Amino acid sequence: MANDTKNVQKAPPAVLPILISNDSANAGPCCYRRIHTIGTFYGRFPVYKAAVVYRNPLFYEKQTPEELFVALKCVDMAEAVATTELAKEAQLNEMAGLKNRRLLVVEKPFPISGHLCLAWPYMGMGSIRYIMATKFPDGIPEKFIPVILKETLKCLMNLHDRNISHRNIHAGNILMNHNPEIKLLFAATIYTSTEEQILQSSSSFLPPAAISEWAAPPEIYPKANRYSYACDMWMVGITALELAYGGLKVSSREELMSLVKKFKKDSKKYLGIEKLKRSSDRECLFSQDLQKIVAGCLKRNPRKRLKASKILVSDVFTLMESNVNEFYTHVINEPVKVEVV
């Protein structure tokens, strides 16, 4: 985005008409009404929560609460570089979303009042990182970590089978709604939430929103070489540690790699994740099988890293007792421990 001007872009209209069908009897949505900002993309462009306005009021009765809102990106088309990049990402997202229900897929981009806009389903529970920061600051309960990883791995397996890499796997890009479902942001739907920006501004540790950069696999850090599926798998391992620790609170790349090295070493003699934590009163044990899987994702040699398809047939995922519904119920019933305002 270096070629874009640094001026603040013009805000899109408060109400954005969308043409779905010329059929006057169509009861589908006719426009989106912006509600408030929920984040930014490309470092400076806003992302909005928007209400879906239907032609026929009776249509509201047929919708679930999740279907009444969308997340909305708009970029002033005078920003040539940003507009071109967003259009490319939207095309990649649509292609990747075919037959992949665990991916948040954009609707067809539409121009309005000099802006290029695109929308996708709003995920009312927010990101796993936000859920973790507010309700599980010491880490997600171990029995639910495979639930989150399983949905992530199934999404990745679908992408990898079609020769597509995700390139941005972390807890901030894994979202949950009230249905309940766990889905991944990808390409055009990726953004940094307002909550993450607040958490980042109040911390002296490396910013979680940029974890894909400072926690990148060794073969592409610090200089980005060719990204591979194995890079995605490294980030799955990093995400697992993030879930277990309640965030990777490190101040440098060296500190992160020291943590990874210790984890892999301890996985061979199986100490359990609670032995690795600096301080926590929570009694939790990272099971031996899951610890070995995470270590297998974090192998330095990318050719030796586990693949999503192989992990999914392991006992950790085929025999796990918890599911998304149970995790959702647990999250809803868990009191808020940290306010993000």
Protein backbone atom coordinates (compact mmCIF):
# COMPACT_ATOMS: atom_id res chain seq x y z
CA MET A 1 0.00 0.00 0.00
CA ALA A 2 3.06 2.26 -0.16
CA ASN A 3 1.87 3.99 -3.37
CA ASP A 4 -1.42 5.18 -1.85
CA THR A 5 -1.72 8.73 -0.57
CA LYS A 6 -1.84 9.19 3.17
CA ASN A 7 -4.98 11.33 3.14
CA VAL A 8 -7.98 10.00 5.00
CA GLN A 9 -10.43 8.63 2.47
CA LYS A 10 -13.97 9.99 2.05
CA ALA A 11 -16.51 8.02 4.07
CA PRO A 12 -18.96 5.93 2.03
CA PRO A 13 -22.67 6.78 2.19
CA ALA A 14 -24.51 5.82 5.39
CA VAL A 15 -26.95 3.79 3.27
CA LEU A 16 -25.52 1.70 0.43
CA PRO A 17 -28.07 0.45 -2.16
CA ILE A 18 -27.37 -2.99 -3.62
CA LEU A 19 -28.95 -4.39 -6.77
CA ILE A 20 -29.72 -8.08 -6.26
CA SER A 21 -32.50 -8.62 -8.76
CA ASN A 22 -34.71 -6.64 -11.14
CA ASP A 23 -37.66 -8.74 -9.99
CA SER A 24 -39.98 -6.39 -8.08
CA ALA A 25 -41.34 -9.35 -6.13
CA ASN A 26 -37.88 -10.14 -4.80
CA ALA A 27 -37.96 -9.84 -1.00
CA GLY A 28 -34.19 -9.94 -0.63
CA PRO A 29 -31.95 -7.17 0.69
CA CYS A 30 -32.10 -3.78 -0.98
CA CYS A 31 -29.35 -1.98 0.90
CA TYR A 32 -26.87 -2.00 3.78
CA ARG A 33 -27.03 0.65 6.50
CA ARG A 34 -23.70 1.42 8.19
CA ILE A 35 -23.84 1.14 11.99
CA HIS A 36 -20.31 1.64 13.32
CA THR A 37 -16.65 0.91 12.64
CA ILE A 38 -15.39 -2.51 13.76
CA GLY A 39 -11.82 -2.36 12.47
CA THR A 40 -9.47 -1.37 9.68
CA PHE A 41 -7.78 -2.95 6.65
CA TYR A 42 -4.56 -2.04 4.86
CA GLY A 43 -3.70 -0.17 8.04
CA ARG A 44 -6.05 2.77 7.51
CA PHE A 45 -9.31 1.97 5.72
CA PRO A 46 -12.37 1.35 7.95
CA VAL A 47 -14.42 -1.83 8.19
CA TYR A 48 -18.04 -1.43 9.26
CA LYS A 49 -20.79 -3.44 10.85
CA ALA A 50 -23.88 -2.83 8.71
CA ALA A 51 -27.54 -3.75 8.98
CA VAL A 52 -29.19 -5.56 6.09
CA VAL A 53 -32.34 -3.74 4.96
CA TYR A 54 -34.93 -5.91 3.18
CA ARG A 55 -37.54 -4.82 0.65
CA ASN A 56 -40.30 -6.73 2.38
CA PRO A 57 -40.54 -6.27 6.17
CA LEU A 58 -42.00 -9.77 6.50
CA PHE A 59 -38.65 -11.12 5.30
CA TYR A 60 -37.08 -10.21 8.66
CA GLU A 61 -39.12 -12.95 10.33
CA LYS A 62 -37.37 -15.58 8.24
CA GLN A 63 -33.85 -14.47 9.14
CA THR A 64 -31.65 -15.56 12.01
CA PRO A 65 -30.01 -12.75 14.03
CA GLU A 66 -26.74 -13.49 12.21
CA GLU A 67 -28.36 -12.81 8.84
CA LEU A 68 -29.47 -9.30 9.80
CA PHE A 69 -25.93 -7.90 9.72
CA VAL A 70 -22.84 -7.94 7.52
CA ALA A 71 -19.25 -6.80 7.79
CA LEU A 72 -18.54 -4.19 5.14
CA LYS A 73 -15.36 -2.91 3.49
CA CYS A 74 -15.41 0.22 1.36
CA VAL A 75 -12.49 1.92 -0.35
CA ASP A 76 -12.52 5.21 -2.22
CA MET A 77 -11.84 4.30 -5.86
CA ALA A 78 -9.55 7.33 -6.07
CA GLU A 79 -7.17 5.12 -4.08
CA ALA A 80 -6.08 3.20 -7.17
CA VAL A 81 -3.63 0.77 -5.54
CA ALA A 82 -6.00 -0.13 -2.69
CA THR A 83 -8.95 -0.55 -5.06
CA THR A 84 -7.01 -2.88 -7.37
CA GLU A 85 -5.67 -4.92 -4.45
CA LEU A 86 -9.11 -5.27 -2.84
CA ALA A 87 -10.67 -6.39 -6.13
CA LYS A 88 -7.97 -9.06 -6.56
CA GLU A 89 -8.43 -10.28 -3.00
CA ALA A 90 -12.19 -10.46 -3.48
CA GLN A 91 -11.73 -12.62 -6.57
CA LEU A 92 -9.36 -14.95 -4.71
CA ASN A 93 -11.74 -15.13 -1.75
CA GLU A 94 -14.71 -16.02 -3.94
CA MET A 95 -12.74 -18.74 -5.73
CA ALA A 96 -11.41 -20.18 -2.45
CA GLY A 97 -14.87 -20.10 -0.87
CA LEU A 98 -16.39 -22.53 -3.34
CA LYS A 99 -17.51 -25.60 -1.38
CA ASN A 100 -15.67 -24.37 1.73
CA ARG A 101 -18.29 -23.58 4.37
CA ARG A 102 -15.59 -22.78 6.95
CA LEU A 103 -14.42 -19.74 5.00
CA LEU A 104 -16.06 -16.33 5.21
CA VAL A 105 -16.87 -15.53 1.60
CA VAL A 106 -17.50 -12.06 0.19
CA GLU A 107 -20.53 -11.19 -1.85
CA LYS A 108 -19.93 -9.75 -5.30
CA PRO A 109 -18.13 -6.37 -4.95
CA PHE A 110 -20.29 -3.41 -5.93
CA PRO A 111 -19.50 0.25 -6.68
CA ILE A 112 -21.45 3.05 -4.97
CA SER A 113 -20.76 6.79 -4.82
CA GLY A 114 -17.17 6.43 -5.94
CA HIS A 115 -16.41 3.57 -3.54
CA LEU A 116 -15.74 -0.11 -4.16
CA CYS A 117 -17.63 -2.05 -1.48
CA LEU A 118 -17.90 -5.66 -0.48
CA ALA A 119 -19.71 -7.46 2.31
CA TRP A 120 -19.62 -10.80 4.05
CA PRO A 121 -21.52 -12.42 6.97
CA TYR A 122 -21.02 -10.69 10.30
CA MET A 123 -19.69 -12.98 13.05
CA GLY A 124 -21.34 -11.78 16.24
CA MET A 125 -19.03 -13.49 18.74
CA GLY A 126 -15.91 -11.91 17.28
CA SER A 127 -12.51 -13.52 16.89
CA ILE A 128 -11.14 -16.34 19.01
CA ARG A 129 -8.41 -13.94 20.09
CA TYR A 130 -11.02 -11.48 21.38
CA ILE A 131 -12.94 -14.25 23.15
CA MET A 132 -9.70 -15.46 24.69
CA ALA A 133 -8.58 -11.96 25.77
CA THR A 134 -11.85 -11.17 27.52
CA LYS A 135 -12.87 -14.55 28.95
CA PHE A 136 -9.84 -16.86 28.91
CA PRO A 137 -6.77 -14.66 29.51
CA ASP A 138 -4.81 -17.71 30.73
CA GLY A 139 -5.69 -19.71 27.60
CA ILE A 140 -8.58 -21.62 26.07
CA PRO A 141 -9.50 -24.74 28.11
CA GLU A 142 -7.48 -27.61 26.63
CA LYS A 143 -10.48 -29.73 25.64
CA PHE A 144 -11.70 -26.93 23.35
CA ILE A 145 -8.39 -26.23 21.61
CA PRO A 146 -8.85 -29.24 19.25
CA VAL A 147 -12.36 -27.96 18.44
CA ILE A 148 -10.96 -24.67 17.15
CA LEU A 149 -8.02 -26.35 15.42
CA LYS A 150 -10.25 -28.94 13.73
CA GLU A 151 -12.39 -26.29 12.04
CA THR A 152 -9.23 -24.43 11.03
CA LEU A 153 -7.56 -27.55 9.66
CA LYS A 154 -10.64 -28.59 7.66
CA CYS A 155 -10.70 -25.16 6.07
CA LEU A 156 -6.98 -25.39 5.30
CA MET A 157 -7.26 -28.90 3.86
CA ASN A 158 -9.90 -27.63 1.45
CA LEU A 159 -7.67 -24.73 0.41
CA HIS A 160 -4.53 -26.86 0.07
CA ASP A 161 -6.38 -29.46 -2.01
CA ARG A 162 -7.04 -26.66 -4.51
CA ASN A 163 -3.48 -25.33 -4.43
CA ILE A 164 -4.33 -22.27 -2.34
CA SER A 165 -2.35 -21.11 0.70
CA HIS A 166 -4.05 -19.07 3.41
CA ARG A 167 -0.96 -17.03 4.41
CA ASN A 168 -2.52 -15.44 7.51
CA ILE A 169 -3.47 -18.10 10.05
CA HIS A 170 -3.82 -16.88 13.62
CA ALA A 171 -6.43 -16.57 16.38
CA GLY A 172 -7.47 -13.09 15.22
CA ASN A 173 -8.57 -14.47 11.84
CA ILE A 174 -10.65 -17.31 13.30
CA LEU A 175 -14.14 -16.08 14.16
CA MET A 176 -17.28 -17.50 15.76
CA ASN A 177 -20.95 -16.60 15.45
CA HIS A 178 -24.08 -17.41 17.44
CA ASN A 179 -25.30 -20.21 15.15
CA PRO A 180 -22.72 -21.42 16.34
CA GLU A 181 -20.04 -21.78 13.66
CA ILE A 182 -16.30 -21.23 13.50
CA LYS A 183 -15.05 -19.68 10.26
CA LEU A 184 -11.86 -18.15 8.90
CA LEU A 185 -11.23 -14.74 7.41
CA PHE A 186 -9.30 -14.98 4.14
CA ALA A 187 -7.89 -12.50 1.63
CA ALA A 188 -10.53 -9.77 1.12
CA THR A 189 -12.30 -10.47 4.43
CA ILE A 190 -9.18 -10.05 6.59
CA TYR A 191 -9.07 -6.96 8.80
CA THR A 192 -7.76 -5.84 12.19
CA SER A 193 -10.59 -5.45 14.68
CA THR A 194 -10.97 -2.40 16.90
CA GLU A 195 -10.66 -4.63 19.97
CA GLU A 196 -7.31 -5.96 18.77
CA GLN A 197 -6.07 -2.41 18.23
CA ILE A 198 -7.02 -1.55 21.83
CA LEU A 199 -5.32 -4.68 23.17
CA GLN A 200 -2.25 -3.92 21.09
CA SER A 201 -2.00 -0.30 22.26
CA SER A 202 -2.01 -1.33 25.93
CA SER A 203 0.71 -3.97 25.62
CA SER A 204 4.50 -3.85 25.51
CA PHE A 205 4.68 -7.23 23.78
CA LEU A 206 4.88 -7.86 20.03
CA PRO A 207 1.52 -6.94 18.43
CA PRO A 208 -0.78 -9.97 18.01
CA ALA A 209 -2.35 -8.45 14.88
CA ALA A 210 1.04 -8.73 13.16
CA ILE A 211 1.77 -12.26 14.39
CA SER A 212 1.92 -13.58 10.82
CA GLU A 213 5.00 -11.40 10.35
CA TRP A 214 7.00 -11.75 13.57
CA ALA A 215 6.04 -15.41 14.12
CA ALA A 216 6.46 -16.42 10.47
CA PRO A 217 8.10 -19.79 9.72
CA PRO A 218 11.92 -19.77 9.61
CA GLU A 219 12.10 -20.32 5.84
CA ILE A 220 10.37 -16.97 5.11
CA TYR A 221 11.64 -14.91 8.04
CA PRO A 222 12.80 -12.16 7.90
CA LYS A 223 12.84 -12.11 4.11
CA ALA A 224 9.71 -13.46 2.50
CA ASN A 225 10.61 -16.23 0.08
CA ARG A 226 8.14 -18.56 -1.60
CA TYR A 227 5.18 -19.26 0.68
CA SER A 228 4.06 -22.89 0.85
CA TYR A 229 1.36 -25.01 2.49
CA ALA A 230 3.97 -25.93 5.10
CA CYS A 231 4.06 -22.25 6.11
CA ASP A 232 0.35 -22.46 6.90
CA MET A 233 1.03 -25.50 9.06
CA TRP A 234 3.73 -23.68 11.02
CA MET A 235 1.18 -20.97 11.77
CA VAL A 236 -1.31 -23.64 12.92
CA GLY A 237 1.30 -24.64 15.50
CA ILE A 238 1.82 -21.01 16.50
CA THR A 239 -1.96 -20.58 16.79
CA ALA A 240 -2.20 -23.64 19.04
CA LEU A 241 0.40 -22.11 21.37
CA GLU A 242 -1.46 -18.81 21.28
CA LEU A 243 -4.66 -20.59 22.36
CA ALA A 244 -2.91 -22.53 25.11
CA TYR A 245 -0.99 -19.58 26.55
CA GLY A 246 -3.78 -17.02 26.27
CA GLY A 247 -1.67 -15.16 23.71
CA LEU A 248 2.02 -15.21 22.87
CA LYS A 249 3.36 -12.57 25.21
CA VAL A 250 6.87 -12.19 23.84
CA SER A 251 8.95 -9.08 23.25
CA SER A 252 11.14 -10.34 20.40
CA ARG A 253 11.51 -12.95 17.68
CA GLU A 254 14.33 -14.51 19.69
CA GLU A 255 12.05 -14.96 22.70
CA LEU A 256 9.41 -16.60 20.52
CA MET A 257 11.87 -19.06 18.96
CA SER A 258 13.21 -19.89 22.42
CA LEU A 259 9.66 -20.70 23.50
CA VAL A 260 9.08 -22.86 20.40
CA LYS A 261 12.37 -24.69 20.93
CA LYS A 262 11.50 -25.40 24.56
CA PHE A 263 8.04 -26.62 23.61
CA LYS A 264 9.39 -29.05 21.02
CA LYS A 265 12.03 -30.31 23.43
CA ASP A 266 9.50 -30.83 26.21
CA SER A 267 7.06 -32.55 23.85
CA LYS A 268 9.54 -35.41 23.53
CA LYS A 269 9.48 -36.08 27.26
CA TYR A 270 5.94 -34.77 27.75
CA LEU A 271 5.82 -32.24 30.55
CA GLY A 272 2.44 -30.74 29.70
CA ILE A 273 1.70 -27.17 28.74
CA GLU A 274 1.27 -25.99 32.31
CA LYS A 275 4.97 -26.66 32.90
CA LEU A 276 5.80 -24.19 30.13
CA LYS A 277 3.67 -21.32 31.34
CA ARG A 278 5.34 -18.56 33.28
CA SER A 279 2.46 -18.16 35.71
CA SER A 280 -1.06 -19.53 35.83
CA ASP A 281 -3.36 -20.84 38.50
CA ARG A 282 -5.43 -22.71 35.92
CA GLU A 283 -5.07 -26.47 36.09
CA CYS A 284 -4.79 -27.60 32.51
CA LEU A 285 -2.86 -30.34 30.77
CA PHE A 286 -1.90 -30.22 27.12
CA SER A 287 -2.47 -33.86 26.20
CA GLN A 288 0.54 -35.78 24.96
CA ASP A 289 -0.98 -36.51 21.56
CA LEU A 290 -1.94 -32.87 20.97
CA GLN A 291 1.46 -31.70 22.18
CA LYS A 292 3.15 -33.98 19.62
CA ILE A 293 0.88 -32.70 16.83
CA VAL A 294 1.70 -29.08 17.65
CA ALA A 295 5.41 -29.93 17.77
CA GLY A 296 4.99 -31.63 14.36
CA CYS A 297 3.61 -28.39 12.93
CA LEU A 298 6.57 -26.44 14.33
CA LYS A 299 9.37 -28.49 12.78
CA ARG A 300 12.06 -26.24 11.38
CA ASN A 301 12.30 -28.24 8.16
CA PRO A 302 9.09 -27.47 6.21
CA ARG A 303 9.21 -30.85 4.44
CA LYS A 304 8.89 -32.62 7.79
CA ARG A 305 5.88 -30.67 9.04
CA LEU A 306 2.58 -32.45 9.43
CA LYS A 307 -0.12 -31.90 6.82
CA ALA A 308 -3.69 -30.90 7.65
CA SER A 309 -5.10 -34.12 6.16
CA LYS A 310 -2.82 -36.28 8.33
CA ILE A 311 -3.58 -34.38 11.52
CA LEU A 312 -7.34 -34.65 11.02
CA VAL A 313 -7.27 -38.47 11.03
CA SER A 314 -5.35 -38.61 14.31
CA ASP A 315 -7.09 -39.75 17.49
CA VAL A 316 -6.98 -36.22 18.89
CA PHE A 317 -9.58 -35.14 16.32
CA THR A 318 -11.44 -38.34 15.45
CA LEU A 319 -12.09 -39.26 19.09
CA MET A 320 -12.50 -35.81 20.66
CA GLU A 321 -15.59 -35.48 22.82
CA SER A 322 -16.17 -31.70 22.60
CA ASN A 323 -17.66 -29.83 19.65
CA VAL A 324 -18.42 -26.28 18.50
CA ASN A 325 -21.80 -26.23 20.27
CA GLU A 326 -20.22 -27.13 23.61
CA PHE A 327 -17.48 -24.55 23.14
CA TYR A 328 -20.07 -21.88 22.34
CA THR A 329 -22.08 -22.74 25.45
CA HIS A 330 -18.94 -22.62 27.56
CA VAL A 331 -18.01 -19.19 26.15
CA ILE A 332 -21.50 -17.78 26.73
CA ASN A 333 -21.55 -18.99 30.34
CA GLU A 334 -18.03 -17.83 31.14
CA PRO A 335 -17.94 -14.43 32.88
CA VAL A 336 -15.97 -11.59 31.34
CA LYS A 337 -12.62 -11.30 33.12
CA VAL A 338 -11.06 -8.48 31.08
CA GLU A 339 -13.02 -5.55 29.67
CA VAL A 340 -11.90 -4.21 26.29
CA VAL A 341 -13.19 -0.66 25.89
